[in-house]
Amino acid sequence: MIERIDTATRMSKIVKHNGTVYLCGQVGAGDTVADQTRDCLGRIEALLAKAGSSPKHILQAIVWVADMADFDEMNAVWDAWVPEGEAPARACGEAKLARPDLKVEIIITAAVAE
């Protein structure tokens, strides 16, 4: 069974299927990549909780930064947020994001907490 949560015309914020949670790409508010990453991760935590999961259940993260010069700043926030010993598989690349003010977008796949 597929469960879609917070569904609109274009996308669902959360899709659950066979014990796996898929989140739509998340961005954050703020002037710096650190601020946007922190806000983005807070949004991810809230969506994971709504889906019955948590950061320690993340299977994969795909991180897009608008400029790889911000890689270290984004990673400092990410590294402090990821539960110790629970780092997911992760990819990070540079991409032009949907709006020029956006510096980071994160896409998450997680397991439902048991």
PDB file of N, CA and C in Angstrom:
ATOM      1  N   MET A   1       0.837  -1.179   0.000  1.00  0.00           N
ATOM      2  CA  MET A   1       0.000   0.000   0.000  1.00  0.00           C
ATOM      3  C   MET A   1       0.885   1.246   0.000  1.00  0.00           C
ATOM      4  N   ILE A   2       0.525   2.223  -0.778  1.00  0.00           N
ATOM      5  CA  ILE A   2       1.227   3.502  -0.819  1.00  0.00           C
ATOM      6  C   ILE A   2       0.407   4.517  -0.049  1.00  0.00           C
ATOM      7  N   GLU A   3       1.054   5.214   0.890  1.00  0.00           N
ATOM      8  CA  GLU A   3       0.402   6.272   1.659  1.00  0.00           C
ATOM      9  C   GLU A   3       1.071   7.595   1.308  1.00  0.00           C
ATOM     10  N   ARG A   4       0.264   8.555   0.869  1.00  0.00           N
ATOM     11  CA  ARG A   4       0.775   9.884   0.526  1.00  0.00           C
ATOM     12  C   ARG A   4       0.282  10.872   1.574  1.00  0.00           C
ATOM     13  N   ILE A   5       1.198  11.667   2.100  1.00  0.00           N
ATOM     14  CA  ILE A   5       0.880  12.609   3.174  1.00  0.00           C
ATOM     15  C   ILE A   5       1.218  14.016   2.695  1.00  0.00           C
ATOM     16  N   ASP A   6       0.331  14.956   2.999  1.00  0.00           N
ATOM     17  CA  ASP A   6       0.493  16.352   2.572  1.00  0.00           C
ATOM     18  C   ASP A   6       0.651  16.423   1.054  1.00  0.00           C
ATOM     19  N   THR A   7      -0.359  15.914   0.377  1.00  0.00           N
ATOM     20  CA  THR A   7      -0.347  15.830  -1.081  1.00  0.00           C
ATOM     21  C   THR A   7      -0.977  17.067  -1.702  1.00  0.00           C
ATOM     22  N   ALA A   8      -0.323  17.573  -2.726  1.00  0.00           N
ATOM     23  CA  ALA A   8      -0.833  18.691  -3.518  1.00  0.00           C
ATOM     24  C   ALA A   8      -0.848  18.242  -4.981  1.00  0.00           C
ATOM     25  N   THR A   9      -1.132  19.154  -5.883  1.00  0.00           N
ATOM     26  CA  THR A   9      -1.193  18.817  -7.305  1.00  0.00           C
ATOM     27  C   THR A   9       0.142  18.301  -7.815  1.00  0.00           C
ATOM     28  N   ARG A  10       1.232  18.963  -7.437  1.00  0.00           N
ATOM     29  CA  ARG A  10       2.547  18.653  -7.995  1.00  0.00           C
ATOM     30  C   ARG A  10       3.256  17.518  -7.277  1.00  0.00           C
ATOM     31  N   MET A  11       3.106  17.436  -5.961  1.00  0.00           N
ATOM     32  CA  MET A  11       3.874  16.436  -5.216  1.00  0.00           C
ATOM     33  C   MET A  11       3.271  16.200  -3.840  1.00  0.00           C
ATOM     34  N   SER A  12       3.745  15.148  -3.213  1.00  0.00           N
ATOM     35  CA  SER A  12       3.452  14.863  -1.810  1.00  0.00           C
ATOM     36  C   SER A  12       4.708  15.170  -1.014  1.00  0.00           C
ATOM     37  N   LYS A  13       4.548  15.704   0.184  1.00  0.00           N
ATOM     38  CA  LYS A  13       5.719  15.960   1.032  1.00  0.00           C
ATOM     39  C   LYS A  13       6.313  14.648   1.528  1.00  0.00           C
ATOM     40  N   ILE A  14       5.434  13.658   1.755  1.00  0.00           N
ATOM     41  CA  ILE A  14       5.860  12.354   2.275  1.00  0.00           C
ATOM     42  C   ILE A  14       5.139  11.259   1.488  1.00  0.00           C
ATOM     43  N   VAL A  15       5.876  10.229   1.114  1.00  0.00           N
ATOM     44  CA  VAL A  15       5.272   9.020   0.557  1.00  0.00           C
ATOM     45  C   VAL A  15       5.838   7.843   1.347  1.00  0.00           C
ATOM     46  N   LYS A  16       4.943   6.979   1.819  1.00  0.00           N
ATOM     47  CA  LYS A  16       5.352   5.780   2.561  1.00  0.00           C
ATOM     48  C   LYS A  16       4.948   4.549   1.757  1.00  0.00           C
ATOM     49  N   HIS A  17       5.879   3.581   1.700  1.00  0.00           N
ATOM     50  CA  HIS A  17       5.596   2.337   0.986  1.00  0.00           C
ATOM     51  C   HIS A  17       6.470   1.230   1.558  1.00  0.00           C
ATOM     52  N   ASN A  18       5.857   0.135   1.960  1.00  0.00           N
ATOM     53  CA  ASN A  18       6.593  -1.035   2.474  1.00  0.00           C
ATOM     54  C   ASN A  18       7.634  -0.682   3.520  1.00  0.00           C
ATOM     55  N   GLY A  19       7.278   0.155   4.473  1.00  0.00           N
ATOM     56  CA  GLY A  19       8.187   0.482   5.567  1.00  0.00           C
ATOM     57  C   GLY A  19       9.269   1.494   5.222  1.00  0.00           C
ATOM     58  N   THR A  20       9.160   2.117   4.048  1.00  0.00           N
ATOM     59  CA  THR A  20      10.143   3.120   3.641  1.00  0.00           C
ATOM     60  C   THR A  20       9.446   4.463   3.488  1.00  0.00           C
ATOM     61  N   VAL A  21      10.130   5.512   3.913  1.00  0.00           N
ATOM     62  CA  VAL A  21       9.629   6.880   3.861  1.00  0.00           C
ATOM     63  C   VAL A  21      10.450   7.659   2.839  1.00  0.00           C
ATOM     64  N   TYR A  22       9.769   8.312   1.926  1.00  0.00           N
ATOM     65  CA  TYR A  22      10.415   9.154   0.921  1.00  0.00           C
ATOM     66  C   TYR A  22       9.949  10.592   1.158  1.00  0.00           C
ATOM     67  N   LEU A  23      10.887  11.502   1.343  1.00  0.00           N
ATOM     68  CA  LEU A  23      10.538  12.906   1.521  1.00  0.00           C
ATOM     69  C   LEU A  23      10.822  13.674   0.241  1.00  0.00           C
ATOM     70  N   CYS A  24       9.983  14.656  -0.041  1.00  0.00           N
ATOM     71  CA  CYS A  24      10.291  15.547  -1.156  1.00  0.00           C
ATOM     72  C   CYS A  24      11.506  16.391  -0.752  1.00  0.00           C
ATOM     73  N   GLY A  25      12.153  16.991  -1.708  1.00  0.00           N
ATOM     74  CA  GLY A  25      13.323  17.816  -1.420  1.00  0.00           C
ATOM     75  C   GLY A  25      12.976  18.931  -0.451  1.00  0.00           C
ATOM     76  N   GLN A  26      13.844  19.146   0.517  1.00  0.00           N
ATOM     77  CA  GLN A  26      13.620  20.166   1.531  1.00  0.00           C
ATOM     78  C   GLN A  26      14.675  21.267   1.424  1.00  0.00           C
ATOM     79  N   VAL A  27      14.224  22.492   1.578  1.00  0.00           N
ATOM     80  CA  VAL A  27      15.105  23.651   1.615  1.00  0.00           C
ATOM     81  C   VAL A  27      14.838  24.375   2.923  1.00  0.00           C
ATOM     82  N   GLY A  28      15.678  25.329   3.238  1.00  0.00           N
ATOM     83  CA  GLY A  28      15.514  26.069   4.480  1.00  0.00           C
ATOM     84  C   GLY A  28      15.607  27.562   4.251  1.00  0.00           C
ATOM     85  N   ALA A  29      15.246  28.303   5.287  1.00  0.00           N
ATOM     86  CA  ALA A  29      15.317  29.760   5.251  1.00  0.00           C
ATOM     87  C   ALA A  29      16.618  30.227   5.894  1.00  0.00           C
ATOM     88  N   GLY A  30      17.045  31.412   5.519  1.00  0.00           N
ATOM     89  CA  GLY A  30      18.234  32.006   6.119  1.00  0.00           C
ATOM     90  C   GLY A  30      19.147  32.598   5.069  1.00  0.00           C
ATOM     91  N   ASP A  31      20.091  33.390   5.540  1.00  0.00           N
ATOM     92  CA  ASP A  31      21.013  34.080   4.637  1.00  0.00           C
ATOM     93  C   ASP A  31      22.243  33.258   4.307  1.00  0.00           C
ATOM     94  N   THR A  32      22.661  32.369   5.207  1.00  0.00           N
ATOM     95  CA  THR A  32      23.886  31.594   4.995  1.00  0.00           C
ATOM     96  C   THR A  32      23.540  30.137   4.724  1.00  0.00           C
ATOM     97  N   VAL A  33      24.493  29.413   4.170  1.00  0.00           N
ATOM     98  CA  VAL A  33      24.260  27.985   3.934  1.00  0.00           C
ATOM     99  C   VAL A  33      24.084  27.255   5.271  1.00  0.00           C
ATOM    100  N   ALA A  34      24.778  27.705   6.317  1.00  0.00           N
ATOM    101  CA  ALA A  34      24.610  27.076   7.636  1.00  0.00           C
ATOM    102  C   ALA A  34      23.188  27.285   8.148  1.00  0.00           C
ATOM    103  N   ASP A  35      22.669  28.509   8.039  1.00  0.00           N
ATOM    104  CA  ASP A  35      21.299  28.789   8.482  1.00  0.00           C
ATOM    105  C   ASP A  35      20.289  27.970   7.685  1.00  0.00           C
ATOM    106  N   GLN A  36      20.463  27.940   6.363  1.00  0.00           N
ATOM    107  CA  GLN A  36      19.531  27.188   5.524  1.00  0.00           C
ATOM    108  C   GLN A  36      19.612  25.693   5.799  1.00  0.00           C
ATOM    109  N   THR A  37      20.819  25.185   6.028  1.00  0.00           N
ATOM    110  CA  THR A  37      20.974  23.753   6.319  1.00  0.00           C
ATOM    111  C   THR A  37      20.304  23.418   7.639  1.00  0.00           C
ATOM    112  N   ARG A  38      20.529  24.232   8.660  1.00  0.00           N
ATOM    113  CA  ARG A  38      19.929  24.011   9.979  1.00  0.00           C
ATOM    114  C   ARG A  38      18.403  23.994   9.867  1.00  0.00           C
ATOM    115  N   ASP A  39      17.833  24.976   9.166  1.00  0.00           N
ATOM    116  CA  ASP A  39      16.385  25.060   9.014  1.00  0.00           C
ATOM    117  C   ASP A  39      15.854  23.875   8.206  1.00  0.00           C
ATOM    118  N   CYS A  40      16.563  23.531   7.155  1.00  0.00           N
ATOM    119  CA  CYS A  40      16.186  22.392   6.312  1.00  0.00           C
ATOM    120  C   CYS A  40      16.152  21.101   7.133  1.00  0.00           C
ATOM    121  N   LEU A  41      17.168  20.882   7.940  1.00  0.00           N
ATOM    122  CA  LEU A  41      17.227  19.666   8.761  1.00  0.00           C
ATOM    123  C   LEU A  41      16.113  19.647   9.798  1.00  0.00           C
ATOM    124  N   GLY A  42      15.726  20.809  10.318  1.00  0.00           N
ATOM    125  CA  GLY A  42      14.577  20.882  11.226  1.00  0.00           C
ATOM    126  C   GLY A  42      13.289  20.475  10.530  1.00  0.00           C
ATOM    127  N   ARG A  43      13.137  20.903   9.284  1.00  0.00           N
ATOM    128  CA  ARG A  43      11.957  20.519   8.501  1.00  0.00           C
ATOM    129  C   ARG A  43      11.961  19.016   8.233  1.00  0.00           C
ATOM    130  N   ILE A  44      13.138  18.480   7.940  1.00  0.00           N
ATOM    131  CA  ILE A  44      13.264  17.037   7.709  1.00  0.00           C
ATOM    132  C   ILE A  44      12.872  16.269   8.959  1.00  0.00           C
ATOM    133  N   GLU A  45      13.361  16.695  10.118  1.00  0.00           N
ATOM    134  CA  GLU A  45      13.001  16.032  11.381  1.00  0.00           C
ATOM    135  C   GLU A  45      11.490  16.029  11.588  1.00  0.00           C
ATOM    136  N   ALA A  46      10.838  17.160  11.330  1.00  0.00           N
ATOM    137  CA  ALA A  46       9.389  17.252  11.523  1.00  0.00           C
ATOM    138  C   ALA A  46       8.649  16.313  10.570  1.00  0.00           C
ATOM    139  N   LEU A  47       9.076  16.272   9.308  1.00  0.00           N
ATOM    140  CA  LEU A  47       8.427  15.374   8.356  1.00  0.00           C
ATOM    141  C   LEU A  47       8.670  13.912   8.706  1.00  0.00           C
ATOM    142  N   LEU A  48       9.891  13.581   9.125  1.00  0.00           N
ATOM    143  CA  LEU A  48      10.175  12.203   9.533  1.00  0.00           C
ATOM    144  C   LEU A  48       9.302  11.799  10.714  1.00  0.00           C
ATOM    145  N   ALA A  49       9.150  12.685  11.696  1.00  0.00           N
ATOM    146  CA  ALA A  49       8.304  12.384  12.852  1.00  0.00           C
ATOM    147  C   ALA A  49       6.862  12.159  12.410  1.00  0.00           C
ATOM    148  N   LYS A  50       6.382  12.990  11.500  1.00  0.00           N
ATOM    149  CA  LYS A  50       5.018  12.843  10.987  1.00  0.00           C
ATOM    150  C   LYS A  50       4.834  11.507  10.274  1.00  0.00           C
ATOM    151  N   ALA A  51       5.918  11.002   9.679  1.00  0.00           N
ATOM    152  CA  ALA A  51       5.870   9.730   8.941  1.00  0.00           C
ATOM    153  C   ALA A  51       6.167   8.528   9.825  1.00  0.00           C
ATOM    154  N   GLY A  52       6.473   8.755  11.113  1.00  0.00           N
ATOM    155  CA  GLY A  52       6.791   7.641  12.003  1.00  0.00           C
ATOM    156  C   GLY A  52       8.240   7.208  11.896  1.00  0.00           C
ATOM    157  N   SER A  53       9.127   8.148  11.611  1.00  0.00           N
ATOM    158  CA  SER A  53      10.554   7.855  11.476  1.00  0.00           C
ATOM    159  C   SER A  53      11.357   8.908  12.246  1.00  0.00           C
ATOM    160  N   SER A  54      12.658   8.902  12.052  1.00  0.00           N
ATOM    161  CA  SER A  54      13.534   9.848  12.751  1.00  0.00           C
ATOM    162  C   SER A  54      14.876   9.921  12.033  1.00  0.00           C
ATOM    163  N   PRO A  55      15.717  10.885  12.406  1.00  0.00           N
ATOM    164  CA  PRO A  55      17.036  10.983  11.766  1.00  0.00           C
ATOM    165  C   PRO A  55      17.867   9.702  11.870  1.00  0.00           C
ATOM    166  N   LYS A  56      17.718   8.944  12.935  1.00  0.00           N
ATOM    167  CA  LYS A  56      18.528   7.727  13.057  1.00  0.00           C
ATOM    168  C   LYS A  56      18.056   6.611  12.121  1.00  0.00           C
ATOM    169  N   HIS A  57      16.918   6.817  11.464  1.00  0.00           N
ATOM    170  CA  HIS A  57      16.384   5.823  10.524  1.00  0.00           C
ATOM    171  C   HIS A  57      16.614   6.212   9.058  1.00  0.00           C
ATOM    172  N   ILE A  58      17.381   7.282   8.830  1.00  0.00           N
ATOM    173  CA  ILE A  58      17.634   7.710   7.455  1.00  0.00           C
ATOM    174  C   ILE A  58      18.522   6.684   6.761  1.00  0.00           C
ATOM    175  N   LEU A  59      18.088   6.252   5.595  1.00  0.00           N
ATOM    176  CA  LEU A  59      18.837   5.292   4.794  1.00  0.00           C
ATOM    177  C   LEU A  59      19.760   6.004   3.806  1.00  0.00           C
ATOM    178  N   GLN A  60      19.229   7.057   3.171  1.00  0.00           N
ATOM    179  CA  GLN A  60      19.993   7.759   2.140  1.00  0.00           C
ATOM    180  C   GLN A  60      19.644   9.237   2.163  1.00  0.00           C
ATOM    181  N   ALA A  61      20.651  10.067   1.921  1.00  0.00           N
ATOM    182  CA  ALA A  61      20.458  11.509   1.777  1.00  0.00           C
ATOM    183  C   ALA A  61      21.140  11.954   0.494  1.00  0.00           C
ATOM    184  N   ILE A  62      20.444  12.767  -0.260  1.00  0.00           N
ATOM    185  CA  ILE A  62      21.026  13.397  -1.444  1.00  0.00           C
ATOM    186  C   ILE A  62      21.020  14.891  -1.165  1.00  0.00           C
ATOM    187  N   VAL A  63      22.197  15.481  -1.164  1.00  0.00           N
ATOM    188  CA  VAL A  63      22.361  16.890  -0.822  1.00  0.00           C
ATOM    189  C   VAL A  63      22.795  17.647  -2.068  1.00  0.00           C
ATOM    190  N   TRP A  64      22.071  18.720  -2.370  1.00  0.00           N
ATOM    191  CA  TRP A  64      22.455  19.613  -3.460  1.00  0.00           C
ATOM    192  C   TRP A  64      22.840  20.949  -2.857  1.00  0.00           C
ATOM    193  N   VAL A  65      24.002  21.457  -3.209  1.00  0.00           N
ATOM    194  CA  VAL A  65      24.409  22.803  -2.816  1.00  0.00           C
ATOM    195  C   VAL A  65      24.526  23.644  -4.085  1.00  0.00           C
ATOM    196  N   ALA A  66      24.165  24.901  -3.985  1.00  0.00           N
ATOM    197  CA  ALA A  66      24.213  25.785  -5.147  1.00  0.00           C
ATOM    198  C   ALA A  66      25.656  26.101  -5.532  1.00  0.00           C
ATOM    199  N   ASP A  67      26.557  26.013  -4.547  1.00  0.00           N
ATOM    200  CA  ASP A  67      27.966  26.325  -4.799  1.00  0.00           C
ATOM    201  C   ASP A  67      28.819  25.412  -3.916  1.00  0.00           C
ATOM    202  N   MET A  68      29.679  24.612  -4.523  1.00  0.00           N
ATOM    203  CA  MET A  68      30.511  23.687  -3.748  1.00  0.00           C
ATOM    204  C   MET A  68      31.473  24.413  -2.808  1.00  0.00           C
ATOM    205  N   ALA A  69      31.636  25.710  -2.978  1.00  0.00           N
ATOM    206  CA  ALA A  69      32.428  26.495  -2.025  1.00  0.00           C
ATOM    207  C   ALA A  69      31.770  26.464  -0.642  1.00  0.00           C
ATOM    208  N   ASP A  70      30.466  26.153  -0.572  1.00  0.00           N
ATOM    209  CA  ASP A  70      29.731  26.072   0.696  1.00  0.00           C
ATOM    210  C   ASP A  70      29.722  24.671   1.299  1.00  0.00           C
ATOM    211  N   PHE A  71      30.418  23.731   0.672  1.00  0.00           N
ATOM    212  CA  PHE A  71      30.418  22.328   1.094  1.00  0.00           C
ATOM    213  C   PHE A  71      30.814  22.168   2.565  1.00  0.00           C
ATOM    214  N   ASP A  72      31.919  22.764   2.976  1.00  0.00           N
ATOM    215  CA  ASP A  72      32.390  22.607   4.354  1.00  0.00           C
ATOM    216  C   ASP A  72      31.423  23.212   5.368  1.00  0.00           C
ATOM    217  N   GLU A  73      30.854  24.373   5.036  1.00  0.00           N
ATOM    218  CA  GLU A  73      29.903  25.020   5.944  1.00  0.00           C
ATOM    219  C   GLU A  73      28.646  24.175   6.110  1.00  0.00           C
ATOM    220  N   MET A  74      28.139  23.626   5.008  1.00  0.00           N
ATOM    221  CA  MET A  74      26.968  22.744   5.074  1.00  0.00           C
ATOM    222  C   MET A  74      27.305  21.492   5.878  1.00  0.00           C
ATOM    223  N   ASN A  75      28.486  20.902   5.628  1.00  0.00           N
ATOM    224  CA  ASN A  75      28.879  19.680   6.332  1.00  0.00           C
ATOM    225  C   ASN A  75      29.032  19.882   7.831  1.00  0.00           C
ATOM    226  N   ALA A  76      29.471  21.045   8.258  1.00  0.00           N
ATOM    227  CA  ALA A  76      29.614  21.309   9.701  1.00  0.00           C
ATOM    228  C   ALA A  76      28.256  21.186  10.398  1.00  0.00           C
ATOM    229  N   VAL A  77      27.218  21.709   9.770  1.00  0.00           N
ATOM    230  CA  VAL A  77      25.867  21.611  10.341  1.00  0.00           C
ATOM    231  C   VAL A  77      25.365  20.170  10.237  1.00  0.00           C
ATOM    232  N   TRP A  78      25.542  19.558   9.079  1.00  0.00           N
ATOM    233  CA  TRP A  78      25.115  18.173   8.859  1.00  0.00           C
ATOM    234  C   TRP A  78      25.764  17.245   9.887  1.00  0.00           C
ATOM    235  N   ASP A  79      27.086  17.340  10.030  1.00  0.00           N
ATOM    236  CA  ASP A  79      27.821  16.437  10.925  1.00  0.00           C
ATOM    237  C   ASP A  79      27.356  16.562  12.371  1.00  0.00           C
ATOM    238  N   ALA A  80      27.007  17.776  12.799  1.00  0.00           N
ATOM    239  CA  ALA A  80      26.515  17.976  14.170  1.00  0.00           C
ATOM    240  C   ALA A  80      25.102  17.420  14.343  1.00  0.00           C
ATOM    241  N   TRP A  81      24.355  17.305  13.262  1.00  0.00           N
ATOM    242  CA  TRP A  81      22.960  16.867  13.314  1.00  0.00           C
ATOM    243  C   TRP A  81      22.793  15.358  13.226  1.00  0.00           C
ATOM    244  N   VAL A  82      23.609  14.690  12.422  1.00  0.00           N
ATOM    245  CA  VAL A  82      23.452  13.250  12.207  1.00  0.00           C
ATOM    246  C   VAL A  82      23.772  12.506  13.509  1.00  0.00           C
ATOM    247  N   PRO A  83      22.877  11.624  13.957  1.00  0.00           N
ATOM    248  CA  PRO A  83      23.144  10.863  15.177  1.00  0.00           C
ATOM    249  C   PRO A  83      24.439  10.049  15.033  1.00  0.00           C
ATOM    250  N   GLU A  84      25.260  10.099  16.059  1.00  0.00           N
ATOM    251  CA  GLU A  84      26.547   9.393  16.026  1.00  0.00           C
ATOM    252  C   GLU A  84      26.343   7.911  15.740  1.00  0.00           C
ATOM    253  N   GLY A  85      27.105   7.407  14.793  1.00  0.00           N
ATOM    254  CA  GLY A  85      27.022   6.003  14.418  1.00  0.00           C
ATOM    255  C   GLY A  85      25.852   5.669  13.508  1.00  0.00           C
ATOM    256  N   GLU A  86      25.059   6.672  13.102  1.00  0.00           N
ATOM    257  CA  GLU A  86      23.856   6.437  12.298  1.00  0.00           C
ATOM    258  C   GLU A  86      23.916   7.168  10.952  1.00  0.00           C
ATOM    259  N   ALA A  87      25.105   7.465  10.460  1.00  0.00           N
ATOM    260  CA  ALA A  87      25.227   8.202   9.203  1.00  0.00           C
ATOM    261  C   ALA A  87      24.637   7.393   8.042  1.00  0.00           C
ATOM    262  N   PRO A  88      23.792   8.029   7.230  1.00  0.00           N
ATOM    263  CA  PRO A  88      23.197   7.323   6.089  1.00  0.00           C
ATOM    264  C   PRO A  88      24.152   7.292   4.902  1.00  0.00           C
ATOM    265  N   ALA A  89      23.802   6.525   3.899  1.00  0.00           N
ATOM    266  CA  ALA A  89      24.474   6.646   2.603  1.00  0.00           C
ATOM    267  C   ALA A  89      24.153   8.052   2.112  1.00  0.00           C
ATOM    268  N   ARG A  90      25.148   8.734   1.527  1.00  0.00           N
ATOM    269  CA  ARG A  90      24.911  10.126   1.153  1.00  0.00           C
ATOM    270  C   ARG A  90      25.672  10.494  -0.104  1.00  0.00           C
ATOM    271  N   ALA A  91      25.048  11.319  -0.918  1.00  0.00           N
ATOM    272  CA  ALA A  91      25.703  11.917  -2.078  1.00  0.00           C
ATOM    273  C   ALA A  91      25.526  13.415  -1.966  1.00  0.00           C
ATOM    274  N   CYS A  92      26.491  14.171  -2.484  1.00  0.00           N
ATOM    275  CA  CYS A  92      26.395  15.625  -2.482  1.00  0.00           C
ATOM    276  C   CYS A  92      26.933  16.141  -3.801  1.00  0.00           C
ATOM    277  N   GLY A  93      26.190  17.040  -4.396  1.00  0.00           N
ATOM    278  CA  GLY A  93      26.627  17.629  -5.652  1.00  0.00           C
ATOM    279  C   GLY A  93      26.206  19.075  -5.746  1.00  0.00           C
ATOM    280  N   GLU A  94      26.745  19.745  -6.725  1.00  0.00           N
ATOM    281  CA  GLU A  94      26.404  21.140  -6.983  1.00  0.00           C
ATOM    282  C   GLU A  94      25.303  21.190  -8.030  1.00  0.00           C
ATOM    283  N   ALA A  95      24.307  22.052  -7.799  1.00  0.00           N
ATOM    284  CA  ALA A  95      23.195  22.178  -8.743  1.00  0.00           C
ATOM    285  C   ALA A  95      22.598  23.569  -8.658  1.00  0.00           C
ATOM    286  N   LYS A  96      22.061  24.012  -9.758  1.00  0.00           N
ATOM    287  CA  LYS A  96      21.285  25.243  -9.760  1.00  0.00           C
ATOM    288  C   LYS A  96      19.940  24.900  -9.117  1.00  0.00           C
ATOM    289  N   LEU A  97      19.603  25.574  -8.021  1.00  0.00           N
ATOM    290  CA  LEU A  97      18.380  25.255  -7.292  1.00  0.00           C
ATOM    291  C   LEU A  97      17.215  26.091  -7.826  1.00  0.00           C
ATOM    292  N   ALA A  98      16.017  25.830  -7.325  1.00  0.00           N
ATOM    293  CA  ALA A  98      14.789  26.399  -7.876  1.00  0.00           C
ATOM    294  C   ALA A  98      14.716  27.928  -7.798  1.00  0.00           C
ATOM    295  N   ARG A  99      15.349  28.511  -6.779  1.00  0.00           N
ATOM    296  CA  ARG A  99      15.368  29.972  -6.639  1.00  0.00           C
ATOM    297  C   ARG A  99      16.798  30.415  -6.363  1.00  0.00           C
ATOM    298  N   PRO A 100      17.167  31.598  -6.808  1.00  0.00           N
ATOM    299  CA  PRO A 100      18.554  32.049  -6.630  1.00  0.00           C
ATOM    300  C   PRO A 100      18.976  32.242  -5.174  1.00  0.00           C
ATOM    301  N   ASP A 101      18.021  32.441  -4.259  1.00  0.00           N
ATOM    302  CA  ASP A 101      18.366  32.627  -2.844  1.00  0.00           C
ATOM    303  C   ASP A 101      18.623  31.304  -2.122  1.00  0.00           C
ATOM    304  N   LEU A 102      18.286  30.176  -2.736  1.00  0.00           N
ATOM    305  CA  LEU A 102      18.478  28.872  -2.100  1.00  0.00           C
ATOM    306  C   LEU A 102      19.926  28.425  -2.239  1.00  0.00           C
ATOM    307  N   LYS A 103      20.464  27.889  -1.136  1.00  0.00           N
ATOM    308  CA  LYS A 103      21.856  27.448  -1.107  1.00  0.00           C
ATOM    309  C   LYS A 103      22.001  25.945  -0.935  1.00  0.00           C
ATOM    310  N   VAL A 104      20.953  25.289  -0.417  1.00  0.00           N
ATOM    311  CA  VAL A 104      21.027  23.844  -0.163  1.00  0.00           C
ATOM    312  C   VAL A 104      19.634  23.224  -0.261  1.00  0.00           C
ATOM    313  N   GLU A 105      19.572  22.009  -0.783  1.00  0.00           N
ATOM    314  CA  GLU A 105      18.355  21.209  -0.818  1.00  0.00           C
ATOM    315  C   GLU A 105      18.736  19.779  -0.475  1.00  0.00           C
ATOM    316  N   ILE A 106      17.922  19.141   0.364  1.00  0.00           N
ATOM    317  CA  ILE A 106      18.225  17.780   0.816  1.00  0.00           C
ATOM    318  C   ILE A 106      17.023  16.876   0.560  1.00  0.00           C
ATOM    319  N   ILE A 107      17.309  15.711  -0.013  1.00  0.00           N
ATOM    320  CA  ILE A 107      16.281  14.707  -0.309  1.00  0.00           C
ATOM    321  C   ILE A 107      16.579  13.484   0.574  1.00  0.00           C
ATOM    322  N   ILE A 108      15.579  12.989   1.256  1.00  0.00           N
ATOM    323  CA  ILE A 108      15.767  11.916   2.246  1.00  0.00           C
ATOM    324  C   ILE A 108      14.905  10.703   1.933  1.00  0.00           C
ATOM    325  N   THR A 109      15.515   9.518   2.115  1.00  0.00           N
ATOM    326  CA  THR A 109      14.804   8.247   2.146  1.00  0.00           C
ATOM    327  C   THR A 109      15.118   7.624   3.492  1.00  0.00           C
ATOM    328  N   ALA A 110      14.095   7.168   4.198  1.00  0.00           N
ATOM    329  CA  ALA A 110      14.290   6.624   5.556  1.00  0.00           C
ATOM    330  C   ALA A 110      13.422   5.392   5.764  1.00  0.00           C
ATOM    331  N   ALA A 111      13.747   4.654   6.788  1.00  0.00           N
ATOM    332  CA  ALA A 111      12.918   3.528   7.214  1.00  0.00           C
ATOM    333  C   ALA A 111      11.913   4.023   8.259  1.00  0.00           C
ATOM    334  N   VAL A 112      10.752   3.409   8.280  1.00  0.00           N
ATOM    335  CA  VAL A 112       9.796   3.690   9.336  1.00  0.00           C
ATOM    336  C   VAL A 112      10.381   3.121  10.629  1.00  0.00           C
ATOM    337  N   ALA A 113      10.289   3.868  11.727  1.00  0.00           N
ATOM    338  CA  ALA A 113      10.791   3.398  13.025  1.00  0.00           C
ATOM    339  C   ALA A 113       9.975   2.187  13.463  1.00  0.00           C
ATOM    340  N   GLU A 114      10.650   1.225  14.027  1.00  0.00           N
ATOM    341  CA  GLU A 114       9.958   0.012  14.478  1.00  0.00           C
ATOM    342  C   GLU A 114       9.741   0.025  15.958  1.00  0.00           C
TER     343      GLU A 114
END
